[in-house]
C-alpha atoms as a PDB file:
ATOM      1  CA  UNK A   1      12.755  70.125   1.606  1.00  0.00           C
ATOM      2  CA  UNK A   2      11.913  69.145   5.309  1.00  0.00           C
ATOM      3  CA  UNK A   3       8.192  68.638   4.629  1.00  0.00           C
ATOM      4  CA  UNK A   4       8.882  66.244   1.901  1.00  0.00           C
ATOM      5  CA  UNK A   5      11.170  64.083   4.043  1.00  0.00           C
ATOM      6  CA  UNK A   6       8.590  63.937   6.652  1.00  0.00           C
ATOM      7  CA  UNK A   7       5.939  62.785   4.224  1.00  0.00           C
ATOM      8  CA  UNK A   8       8.414  60.163   2.838  1.00  0.00           C
ATOM      9  CA  UNK A   9       8.874  58.841   6.349  1.00  0.00           C
ATOM     10  CA  UNK A  10       5.146  58.676   7.039  1.00  0.00           C
ATOM     11  CA  UNK A  11       4.581  56.749   3.760  1.00  0.00           C
ATOM     12  CA  UNK A  12       7.388  54.350   4.640  1.00  0.00           C
ATOM     13  CA  UNK A  13       5.928  53.820   8.194  1.00  0.00           C
ATOM     14  CA  UNK A  14       2.480  53.260   6.707  1.00  0.00           C
ATOM     15  CA  UNK A  15       3.696  50.712   4.212  1.00  0.00           C
ATOM     16  CA  UNK A  16       5.673  48.878   6.929  1.00  0.00           C
ATOM     17  CA  UNK A  17       2.622  48.818   9.138  1.00  0.00           C
ATOM     18  CA  UNK A  18       0.404  47.402   6.432  1.00  0.00           C
ATOM     19  CA  UNK A  19       3.059  44.778   5.682  1.00  0.00           C
ATOM     20  CA  UNK A  20       3.171  43.722   9.274  1.00  0.00           C
ATOM     21  CA  UNK A  21      -0.649  43.456   9.413  1.00  0.00           C
ATOM     22  CA  UNK A  22      -0.647  41.199   6.245  1.00  0.00           C
ATOM     23  CA  UNK A  23       2.009  38.917   7.720  1.00  0.00           C
ATOM     24  CA  UNK A  24       0.155  38.636  10.950  1.00  0.00           C
ATOM     25  CA  UNK A  25      -3.094  37.889   9.031  1.00  0.00           C
ATOM     26  CA  UNK A  26      -1.350  35.114   7.205  1.00  0.00           C
ATOM     27  CA  UNK A  27       0.126  33.695  10.242  1.00  0.00           C
ATOM     28  CA  UNK A  28      -3.279  33.396  11.893  1.00  0.00           C
ATOM     29  CA  UNK A  29      -4.772  31.745   8.850  1.00  0.00           C
ATOM     30  CA  UNK A  30      -2.256  29.023   8.865  1.00  0.00           C
ATOM     31  CA  UNK A  31      -1.721  28.081  12.416  1.00  0.00           C
ATOM     32  CA  UNK A  32       1.356  25.889  13.177  1.00  0.00           C
ATOM     33  CA  UNK A  33       0.268  22.204  13.078  1.00  0.00           C
ATOM     34  CA  UNK A  34      -2.994  22.775  11.325  1.00  0.00           C
ATOM     35  CA  UNK A  35      -3.398  20.207   8.537  1.00  0.00           C
ATOM     36  CA  UNK A  36      -3.906  21.271   4.933  1.00  0.00           C
ATOM     37  CA  UNK A  37      -7.499  21.463   3.734  1.00  0.00           C
ATOM     38  CA  UNK A  38      -6.916  18.423   1.358  1.00  0.00           C
ATOM     39  CA  UNK A  39      -5.260  16.256   4.015  1.00  0.00           C
ATOM     40  CA  UNK A  40      -8.116  13.756   4.097  1.00  0.00           C
ATOM     41  CA  UNK A  41      -8.866  13.635   0.308  1.00  0.00           C
ATOM     42  CA  UNK A  42      -8.104  10.178  -1.031  1.00  0.00           C
ATOM     43  CA  UNK A  43      -7.889   8.491   2.411  1.00  0.00           C
ATOM     44  CA  UNK A  44      -9.974   5.484   3.503  1.00  0.00           C
ATOM     45  CA  UNK A  45     -10.570   4.220   7.038  1.00  0.00           C
ATOM     46  CA  UNK A  46     -12.336   1.301   8.919  1.00  0.00           C
ATOM     47  CA  UNK A  47     -13.939   1.892  12.307  1.00  0.00           C
ATOM     48  CA  UNK A  48     -11.627   0.620  15.150  1.00  0.00           C
ATOM     49  CA  UNK A  49     -13.753   1.759  18.132  1.00  0.00           C
ATOM     50  CA  UNK A  50     -16.794   3.760  19.045  1.00  0.00           C
ATOM     51  CA  UNK A  51     -16.236   5.056  22.636  1.00  0.00           C
ATOM     52  CA  UNK A  52     -18.560   3.453  25.138  1.00  0.00           C
ATOM     53  CA  UNK A  53     -19.445   0.562  22.942  1.00  0.00           C
ATOM     54  CA  UNK A  54     -18.186  -2.995  22.810  1.00  0.00           C
ATOM     55  CA  UNK A  55     -16.032  -4.436  20.066  1.00  0.00           C
ATOM     56  CA  UNK A  56     -17.485  -4.019  16.618  1.00  0.00           C
ATOM     57  CA  UNK A  57     -19.522  -7.090  15.422  1.00  0.00           C
ATOM     58  CA  UNK A  58     -20.600  -8.111  11.977  1.00  0.00           C
ATOM     59  CA  UNK A  59     -19.490  -6.299   8.908  1.00  0.00           C
ATOM     60  CA  UNK A  60     -17.063  -3.255   9.596  1.00  0.00           C
ATOM     61  CA  UNK A  61     -18.005   0.337   9.035  1.00  0.00           C
ATOM     62  CA  UNK A  62     -15.765   2.296   6.770  1.00  0.00           C
ATOM     63  CA  UNK A  63     -15.360   5.985   5.831  1.00  0.00           C
ATOM     64  CA  UNK A  64     -13.505   7.234   2.655  1.00  0.00           C
ATOM     65  CA  UNK A  65     -12.910  10.723   1.281  1.00  0.00           C
ATOM     66  CA  UNK A  66     -12.957  11.074  -2.506  1.00  0.00           C
ATOM     67  CA  UNK A  67     -13.698  13.870  -4.836  1.00  0.00           C
ATOM     68  CA  UNK A  68     -15.344  16.013  -2.132  1.00  0.00           C
ATOM     69  CA  UNK A  69     -17.501  13.280  -0.871  1.00  0.00           C
ATOM     70  CA  UNK A  70     -17.461  11.088   2.135  1.00  0.00           C
ATOM     71  CA  UNK A  71     -18.753   7.397   1.540  1.00  0.00           C
ATOM     72  CA  UNK A  72     -18.623   3.912   2.918  1.00  0.00           C
ATOM     73  CA  UNK A  73     -20.752   1.376   4.709  1.00  0.00           C
ATOM     74  CA  UNK A  74     -22.186   1.675   8.257  1.00  0.00           C
ATOM     75  CA  UNK A  75     -21.902  -2.058   8.649  1.00  0.00           C
ATOM     76  CA  UNK A  76     -25.273  -2.727   7.169  1.00  0.00           C
ATOM     77  CA  UNK A  77     -26.081   0.092   4.459  1.00  0.00           C
ATOM     78  CA  UNK A  78     -23.834   1.982   2.186  1.00  0.00           C
ATOM     79  CA  UNK A  79     -23.938   5.792   2.447  1.00  0.00           C
ATOM     80  CA  UNK A  80     -22.663   8.976   0.793  1.00  0.00           C
ATOM     81  CA  UNK A  81     -22.587  12.577   1.473  1.00  0.00           C
ATOM     82  CA  UNK A  82     -20.713  15.815   1.020  1.00  0.00           C
ATOM     83  CA  UNK A  83     -17.990  16.855   3.572  1.00  0.00           C
ATOM     84  CA  UNK A  84     -16.283  20.218   4.273  1.00  0.00           C
ATOM     85  CA  UNK A  85     -12.847  20.396   5.904  1.00  0.00           C
ATOM     86  CA  UNK A  86     -10.780  23.488   6.784  1.00  0.00           C
ATOM     87  CA  UNK A  87      -7.661  22.795   8.734  1.00  0.00           C
ATOM     88  CA  UNK A  88      -8.675  20.546  11.497  1.00  0.00           C
ATOM     89  CA  UNK A  89     -12.428  21.509  11.218  1.00  0.00           C
ATOM     90  CA  UNK A  90     -14.509  18.796   9.617  1.00  0.00           C
ATOM     91  CA  UNK A  91     -18.316  18.526   8.951  1.00  0.00           C
ATOM     92  CA  UNK A  92     -20.261  16.050   7.064  1.00  0.00           C
ATOM     93  CA  UNK A  93     -23.663  16.863   5.476  1.00  0.00           C
ATOM     94  CA  UNK A  94     -26.241  15.366   7.676  1.00  0.00           C
ATOM     95  CA  UNK A  95     -28.533  14.544   4.781  1.00  0.00           C
ATOM     96  CA  UNK A  96     -26.674  11.408   3.636  1.00  0.00           C
ATOM     97  CA  UNK A  97     -27.896   9.104   0.789  1.00  0.00           C
ATOM     98  CA  UNK A  98     -28.090   5.656   1.958  1.00  0.00           C
ATOM     99  CA  UNK A  99     -29.449   2.210   1.020  1.00  0.00           C
ATOM    100  CA  UNK A 100     -32.370   0.835   2.975  1.00  0.00           C
ATOM    101  CA  UNK A 101     -31.372  -2.805   3.871  1.00  0.00           C
ATOM    102  CA  UNK A 102     -32.470  -4.231   7.160  1.00  0.00           C
ATOM    103  CA  UNK A 103     -29.829  -6.157   9.272  1.00  0.00           C
ATOM    104  CA  UNK A 104     -29.584  -7.884  12.579  1.00  0.00           C
ATOM    105  CA  UNK A 105     -30.825  -5.653  15.455  1.00  0.00           C
ATOM    106  CA  UNK A 106     -27.310  -5.329  17.046  1.00  0.00           C
ATOM    107  CA  UNK A 107     -25.913  -4.423  13.641  1.00  0.00           C
ATOM    108  CA  UNK A 108     -28.566  -1.840  13.106  1.00  0.00           C
ATOM    109  CA  UNK A 109     -27.837  -0.398  16.503  1.00  0.00           C
ATOM    110  CA  UNK A 110     -24.190  -0.003  15.953  1.00  0.00           C
ATOM    111  CA  UNK A 111     -24.807   1.291  12.472  1.00  0.00           C
ATOM    112  CA  UNK A 112     -26.971   4.002  13.891  1.00  0.00           C
ATOM    113  CA  UNK A 113     -24.339   4.866  16.474  1.00  0.00           C
ATOM    114  CA  UNK A 114     -21.740   5.196  13.753  1.00  0.00           C
ATOM    115  CA  UNK A 115     -23.945   7.416  11.552  1.00  0.00           C
ATOM    116  CA  UNK A 116     -24.714   9.503  14.732  1.00  0.00           C
ATOM    117  CA  UNK A 117     -20.950   9.956  15.103  1.00  0.00           C
ATOM    118  CA  UNK A 118     -20.547  11.182  11.654  1.00  0.00           C
ATOM    119  CA  UNK A 119     -23.350  13.798  11.895  1.00  0.00           C
ATOM    120  CA  UNK A 120     -21.932  15.051  15.262  1.00  0.00           C
ATOM    121  CA  UNK A 121     -18.215  15.428  13.925  1.00  0.00           C
ATOM    122  CA  UNK A 122     -16.871  18.983  13.821  1.00  0.00           C
ATOM    123  CA  UNK A 123     -13.109  18.329  14.136  1.00  0.00           C
ATOM    124  CA  UNK A 124     -10.653  15.505  13.317  1.00  0.00           C
ATOM    125  CA  UNK A 125      -7.198  14.614  14.066  1.00  0.00           C
ATOM    126  CA  UNK A 126      -4.745  11.808  13.017  1.00  0.00           C
ATOM    127  CA  UNK A 127      -3.126  10.415  16.151  1.00  0.00           C
ATOM    128  CA  UNK A 128      -0.673   7.482  15.961  1.00  0.00           C
ATOM    129  CA  UNK A 129      -1.870   6.735  12.429  1.00  0.00           C
ATOM    130  CA  UNK A 130      -5.543   6.661  13.371  1.00  0.00           C
ATOM    131  CA  UNK A 131      -8.341   9.009  12.410  1.00  0.00           C
ATOM    132  CA  UNK A 132     -10.128  10.519  15.365  1.00  0.00           C
ATOM    133  CA  UNK A 133     -13.479  12.183  14.827  1.00  0.00           C
ATOM    134  CA  UNK A 134     -14.500  14.698  17.510  1.00  0.00           C
ATOM    135  CA  UNK A 135     -17.407  16.827  18.472  1.00  0.00           C
ATOM    136  CA  UNK A 136     -17.279  20.655  18.800  1.00  0.00           C
ATOM    137  CA  UNK A 137     -16.301  20.275  22.478  1.00  0.00           C
ATOM    138  CA  UNK A 138     -13.559  17.786  21.713  1.00  0.00           C
ATOM    139  CA  UNK A 139     -15.369  14.754  22.807  1.00  0.00           C
ATOM    140  CA  UNK A 140     -14.076  11.652  20.976  1.00  0.00           C
ATOM    141  CA  UNK A 141     -16.874  10.151  18.807  1.00  0.00           C
ATOM    142  CA  UNK A 142     -15.046   7.445  16.755  1.00  0.00           C
ATOM    143  CA  UNK A 143     -11.558   6.070  16.098  1.00  0.00           C
ATOM    144  CA  UNK A 144     -10.774   4.631  12.749  1.00  0.00           C
ATOM    145  CA  UNK A 145      -7.691   2.723  11.505  1.00  0.00           C
ATOM    146  CA  UNK A 146      -6.309   3.031   8.021  1.00  0.00           C
ATOM    147  CA  UNK A 147      -8.003   0.681   5.591  1.00  0.00           C
ATOM    148  CA  UNK A 148      -5.686  -1.933   4.127  1.00  0.00           C
ATOM    149  CA  UNK A 149      -5.217  -1.445   0.476  1.00  0.00           C
ATOM    150  CA  UNK A 150      -2.654  -3.929  -0.619  1.00  0.00           C
ATOM    151  CA  UNK A 151      -4.015  -7.224  -2.156  1.00  0.00           C
ATOM    152  CA  UNK A 152      -0.740  -9.150  -1.809  1.00  0.00           C
ATOM    153  CA  UNK A 153      -1.283 -12.086   0.562  1.00  0.00           C
ATOM    154  CA  UNK A 154      -5.017 -11.757   0.683  1.00  0.00           C
ATOM    155  CA  UNK A 155      -7.640 -14.539  -0.070  1.00  0.00           C
ATOM    156  CA  UNK A 156     -11.147 -13.793  -1.369  1.00  0.00           C
ATOM    157  CA  UNK A 157     -14.452 -15.700  -2.163  1.00  0.00           C
ATOM    158  CA  UNK A 158     -16.322 -14.524  -5.274  1.00  0.00           C
ATOM    159  CA  UNK A 159     -19.988 -13.677  -4.531  1.00  0.00           C
ATOM    160  CA  UNK A 160     -20.970 -11.997  -7.905  1.00  0.00           C
ATOM    161  CA  UNK A 161     -19.832 -12.549 -11.452  1.00  0.00           C
ATOM    162  CA  UNK A 162     -20.686 -10.407 -14.614  1.00  0.00           C
ATOM    163  CA  UNK A 163     -22.118 -12.884 -17.003  1.00  0.00           C
ATOM    164  CA  UNK A 164     -21.240 -10.699 -19.962  1.00  0.00           C
ATOM    165  CA  UNK A 165     -24.928  -9.850 -20.671  1.00  0.00           C
ATOM    166  CA  UNK A 166     -25.013  -6.654 -18.478  1.00  0.00           C
ATOM    167  CA  UNK A 167     -25.802  -8.629 -15.354  1.00  0.00           C
ATOM    168  CA  UNK A 168     -23.934  -9.575 -12.248  1.00  0.00           C
ATOM    169  CA  UNK A 169     -25.168 -12.983 -11.054  1.00  0.00           C
ATOM    170  CA  UNK A 170     -24.627 -14.953  -7.797  1.00  0.00           C
ATOM    171  CA  UNK A 171     -22.190 -17.913  -7.568  1.00  0.00           C
ATOM    172  CA  UNK A 172     -23.607 -21.352  -7.392  1.00  0.00           C
ATOM    173  CA  UNK A 173     -24.088 -22.390  -3.749  1.00  0.00           C
ATOM    174  CA  UNK A 174     -22.178 -25.823  -4.255  1.00  0.00           C
ATOM    175  CA  UNK A 175     -19.486 -24.436  -6.693  1.00  0.00           C
ATOM    176  CA  UNK A 176     -17.450 -21.837  -4.589  1.00  0.00           C
ATOM    177  CA  UNK A 177     -15.282 -19.559  -6.764  1.00  0.00           C
ATOM    178  CA  UNK A 178     -12.091 -18.250  -4.924  1.00  0.00           C
ATOM    179  CA  UNK A 179      -9.220 -15.880  -5.648  1.00  0.00           C
ATOM    180  CA  UNK A 180      -5.858 -15.394  -3.821  1.00  0.00           C
ATOM    181  CA  UNK A 181      -3.219 -12.949  -4.553  1.00  0.00           C
ATOM    182  CA  UNK A 182       0.293 -14.051  -3.809  1.00  0.00           C
ATOM    183  CA  UNK A 183       3.046 -11.489  -3.123  1.00  0.00           C
ATOM    184  CA  UNK A 184       5.113 -12.943  -6.088  1.00  0.00           C
ATOM    185  CA  UNK A 185       2.510 -11.588  -8.595  1.00  0.00           C
ATOM    186  CA  UNK A 186       0.580 -14.908  -9.081  1.00  0.00           C
ATOM    187  CA  UNK A 187      -3.148 -15.206  -8.453  1.00  0.00           C
ATOM    188  CA  UNK A 188      -4.696 -18.612  -7.925  1.00  0.00           C
ATOM    189  CA  UNK A 189      -7.967 -20.177  -6.940  1.00  0.00           C
ATOM    190  CA  UNK A 190     -10.912 -22.162  -8.027  1.00  0.00           C
ATOM    191  CA  UNK A 191     -13.540 -21.591 -10.724  1.00  0.00           C
ATOM    192  CA  UNK A 192     -16.052 -23.858  -9.016  1.00  0.00           C
ATOM    193  CA  UNK A 193     -14.901 -26.808 -10.965  1.00  0.00           C
ATOM    194  CA  UNK A 194     -11.202 -26.317 -11.999  1.00  0.00           C
ATOM    195  CA  UNK A 195      -8.163 -24.913 -10.408  1.00  0.00           C
ATOM    196  CA  UNK A 196      -6.432 -21.844 -12.101  1.00  0.00           C
ATOM    197  CA  UNK A 197      -3.470 -19.484 -11.929  1.00  0.00           C
ATOM    198  CA  UNK A 198      -2.838 -16.131 -13.477  1.00  0.00           C
ATOM    199  CA  UNK A 199      -0.300 -13.465 -13.183  1.00  0.00           C
ATOM    200  CA  UNK A 200      -1.502 -10.099 -11.572  1.00  0.00           C
ATOM    201  CA  UNK A 201      -0.274  -6.635 -11.640  1.00  0.00           C
ATOM    202  CA  UNK A 202      -1.526  -3.917  -9.454  1.00  0.00           C
ATOM    203  CA  UNK A 203      -0.645  -0.249  -8.681  1.00  0.00           C
ATOM    204  CA  UNK A 204      -2.977   1.928  -6.638  1.00  0.00           C
ATOM    205  CA  UNK A 205      -6.453   0.912  -7.795  1.00  0.00           C
ATOM    206  CA  UNK A 206      -5.141  -0.189 -11.214  1.00  0.00           C
ATOM    207  CA  UNK A 207      -5.295  -3.907 -11.409  1.00  0.00           C
ATOM    208  CA  UNK A 208      -4.870  -6.389 -14.453  1.00  0.00           C
ATOM    209  CA  UNK A 209      -4.631 -10.265 -14.726  1.00  0.00           C
ATOM    210  CA  UNK A 210      -2.630 -12.066 -17.429  1.00  0.00           C
ATOM    211  CA  UNK A 211      -3.928 -15.056 -19.304  1.00  0.00           C
ATOM    212  CA  UNK A 212      -5.163 -17.820 -16.864  1.00  0.00           C
ATOM    213  CA  UNK A 213      -4.132 -21.366 -16.983  1.00  0.00           C
ATOM    214  CA  UNK A 214      -6.580 -23.952 -15.581  1.00  0.00           C
ATOM    215  CA  UNK A 215      -6.852 -27.635 -15.023  1.00  0.00           C
ATOM    216  CA  UNK A 216      -8.971 -29.561 -17.652  1.00  0.00           C
ATOM    217  CA  UNK A 217     -11.693 -31.287 -15.438  1.00  0.00           C
ATOM    218  CA  UNK A 218     -15.180 -31.316 -16.948  1.00  0.00           C
ATOM    219  CA  UNK A 219     -17.917 -31.015 -14.128  1.00  0.00           C
ATOM    220  CA  UNK A 220     -21.505 -32.012 -14.522  1.00  0.00           C
ATOM    221  CA  UNK A 221     -22.797 -30.825 -11.214  1.00  0.00           C
ATOM    222  CA  UNK A 222     -23.999 -28.482 -10.022  1.00  0.00           C
ATOM    223  CA  UNK A 223     -25.932 -27.428 -13.105  1.00  0.00           C
ATOM    224  CA  UNK A 224     -24.288 -24.544 -14.942  1.00  0.00           C
ATOM    225  CA  UNK A 225     -20.979 -24.835 -13.309  1.00  0.00           C
ATOM    226  CA  UNK A 226     -19.046 -24.879 -16.529  1.00  0.00           C
ATOM    227  CA  UNK A 227     -21.032 -21.770 -17.680  1.00  0.00           C
ATOM    228  CA  UNK A 228     -20.107 -20.097 -14.441  1.00  0.00           C
ATOM    229  CA  UNK A 229     -16.401 -20.948 -14.944  1.00  0.00           C
ATOM    230  CA  UNK A 230     -16.391 -19.435 -18.395  1.00  0.00           C
ATOM    231  CA  UNK A 231     -18.173 -16.211 -17.158  1.00  0.00           C
ATOM    232  CA  UNK A 232     -15.659 -15.994 -14.335  1.00  0.00           C
ATOM    233  CA  UNK A 233     -12.498 -16.424 -16.469  1.00  0.00           C
ATOM    234  CA  UNK A 234     -13.920 -13.840 -19.002  1.00  0.00           C
ATOM    235  CA  UNK A 235     -14.682 -11.280 -16.229  1.00  0.00           C
ATOM    236  CA  UNK A 236     -11.189 -11.872 -14.750  1.00  0.00           C
ATOM    237  CA  UNK A 237      -9.644 -10.961 -18.142  1.00  0.00           C
ATOM    238  CA  UNK A 238     -11.626  -7.848 -18.373  1.00  0.00           C
ATOM    239  CA  UNK A 239     -10.609  -6.401 -14.851  1.00  0.00           C
ATOM    240  CA  UNK A 240      -8.938  -3.022 -15.124  1.00  0.00           C
ATOM    241  CA  UNK A 241      -9.212  -1.790 -11.564  1.00  0.00           C
ATOM    242  CA  UNK A 242      -9.911  -2.935  -7.955  1.00  0.00           C
ATOM    243  CA  UNK A 243     -11.073  -1.188  -4.909  1.00  0.00           C
ATOM    244  CA  UNK A 244     -10.861  -2.979  -1.463  1.00  0.00           C
ATOM    245  CA  UNK A 245     -13.179  -1.880   1.325  1.00  0.00           C
ATOM    246  CA  UNK A 246     -12.699  -3.637   4.616  1.00  0.00           C
ATOM    247  CA  UNK A 247     -13.704  -7.275   3.880  1.00  0.00           C
ATOM    248  CA  UNK A 248     -15.033  -6.508   0.505  1.00  0.00           C
ATOM    249  CA  UNK A 249     -13.428  -6.224  -2.943  1.00  0.00           C
ATOM    250  CA  UNK A 250     -14.946  -4.913  -6.207  1.00  0.00           C
ATOM    251  CA  UNK A 251     -13.075  -5.516  -9.603  1.00  0.00           C
ATOM    252  CA  UNK A 252     -14.118  -3.325 -12.372  1.00  0.00           C
ATOM    253  CA  UNK A 253     -13.685  -3.249 -16.135  1.00  0.00           C
ATOM    254  CA  UNK A 254     -11.981  -0.342 -18.091  1.00  0.00           C
ATOM    255  CA  UNK A 255     -15.498   1.423 -18.314  1.00  0.00           C
ATOM    256  CA  UNK A 256     -16.164   1.095 -14.728  1.00  0.00           C
ATOM    257  CA  UNK A 257     -18.510  -1.814 -15.121  1.00  0.00           C
ATOM    258  CA  UNK A 258     -18.580  -4.249 -12.333  1.00  0.00           C
ATOM    259  CA  UNK A 259     -16.935  -7.520 -13.178  1.00  0.00           C
ATOM    260  CA  UNK A 260     -16.554  -9.304  -9.823  1.00  0.00           C
ATOM    261  CA  UNK A 261     -17.756  -8.900  -6.247  1.00  0.00           C
ATOM    262  CA  UNK A 262     -15.707 -10.619  -3.462  1.00  0.00           C
ATOM    263  CA  UNK A 263     -15.591 -11.024   0.270  1.00  0.00           C
ATOM    264  CA  UNK A 264     -12.616 -11.999   2.443  1.00  0.00           C
ATOM    265  CA  UNK A 265     -12.477 -15.779   2.711  1.00  0.00           C
END
């Protein structure tokens, strides 16, 4: 019947129109070149430049994106806040939780500038391997370089040791404890009295040390240096993971407990 044929053609035309509208909507929601919403998750960065400011001085500022939170150090204090990303749009919750240490005036000034840049961020882009944070009008607020993650070839000075009694204690001033990671899988350094070597294995944040071999000196000074050596070697043996952040390194046990704190030597 002619009437039925006309109705069929109308239904077909309607379905075709709806399909075209759906395809157009999908194309608009995923613009070419727009990064996926999880592109930043798991990445870590260190400040390279803040436009209009001299080279960074003191401890570097960092920014890491993990589990829906942005965290790091502003060069003086540690901070953490929620972040939202959709394509190239990025905002960080302005109500960041931060420690309240006081640092040198110049360090505090640049820390305030960095935190101000984070609060003003509305967009981001990765250009030539660097993260650019930009304001709503496109103004460049900060440029950050990828944070080095490999430990091979690095050297560190230990600043805190888990004493095995649920406390992390400082290293004796006259008995430096050091740790170097060779690319061949051997770690070496000083316990503050003796030299030591130990095999190390790392993948991602997972990190383990094999049994340590040491020289056999007995040191009487400074007081407590042999106890420090014992605590260090025991903490080294308990390490299950390591997280590097700019010039700092934290080594933790299987339960997440802090075993060793280190800074670049």
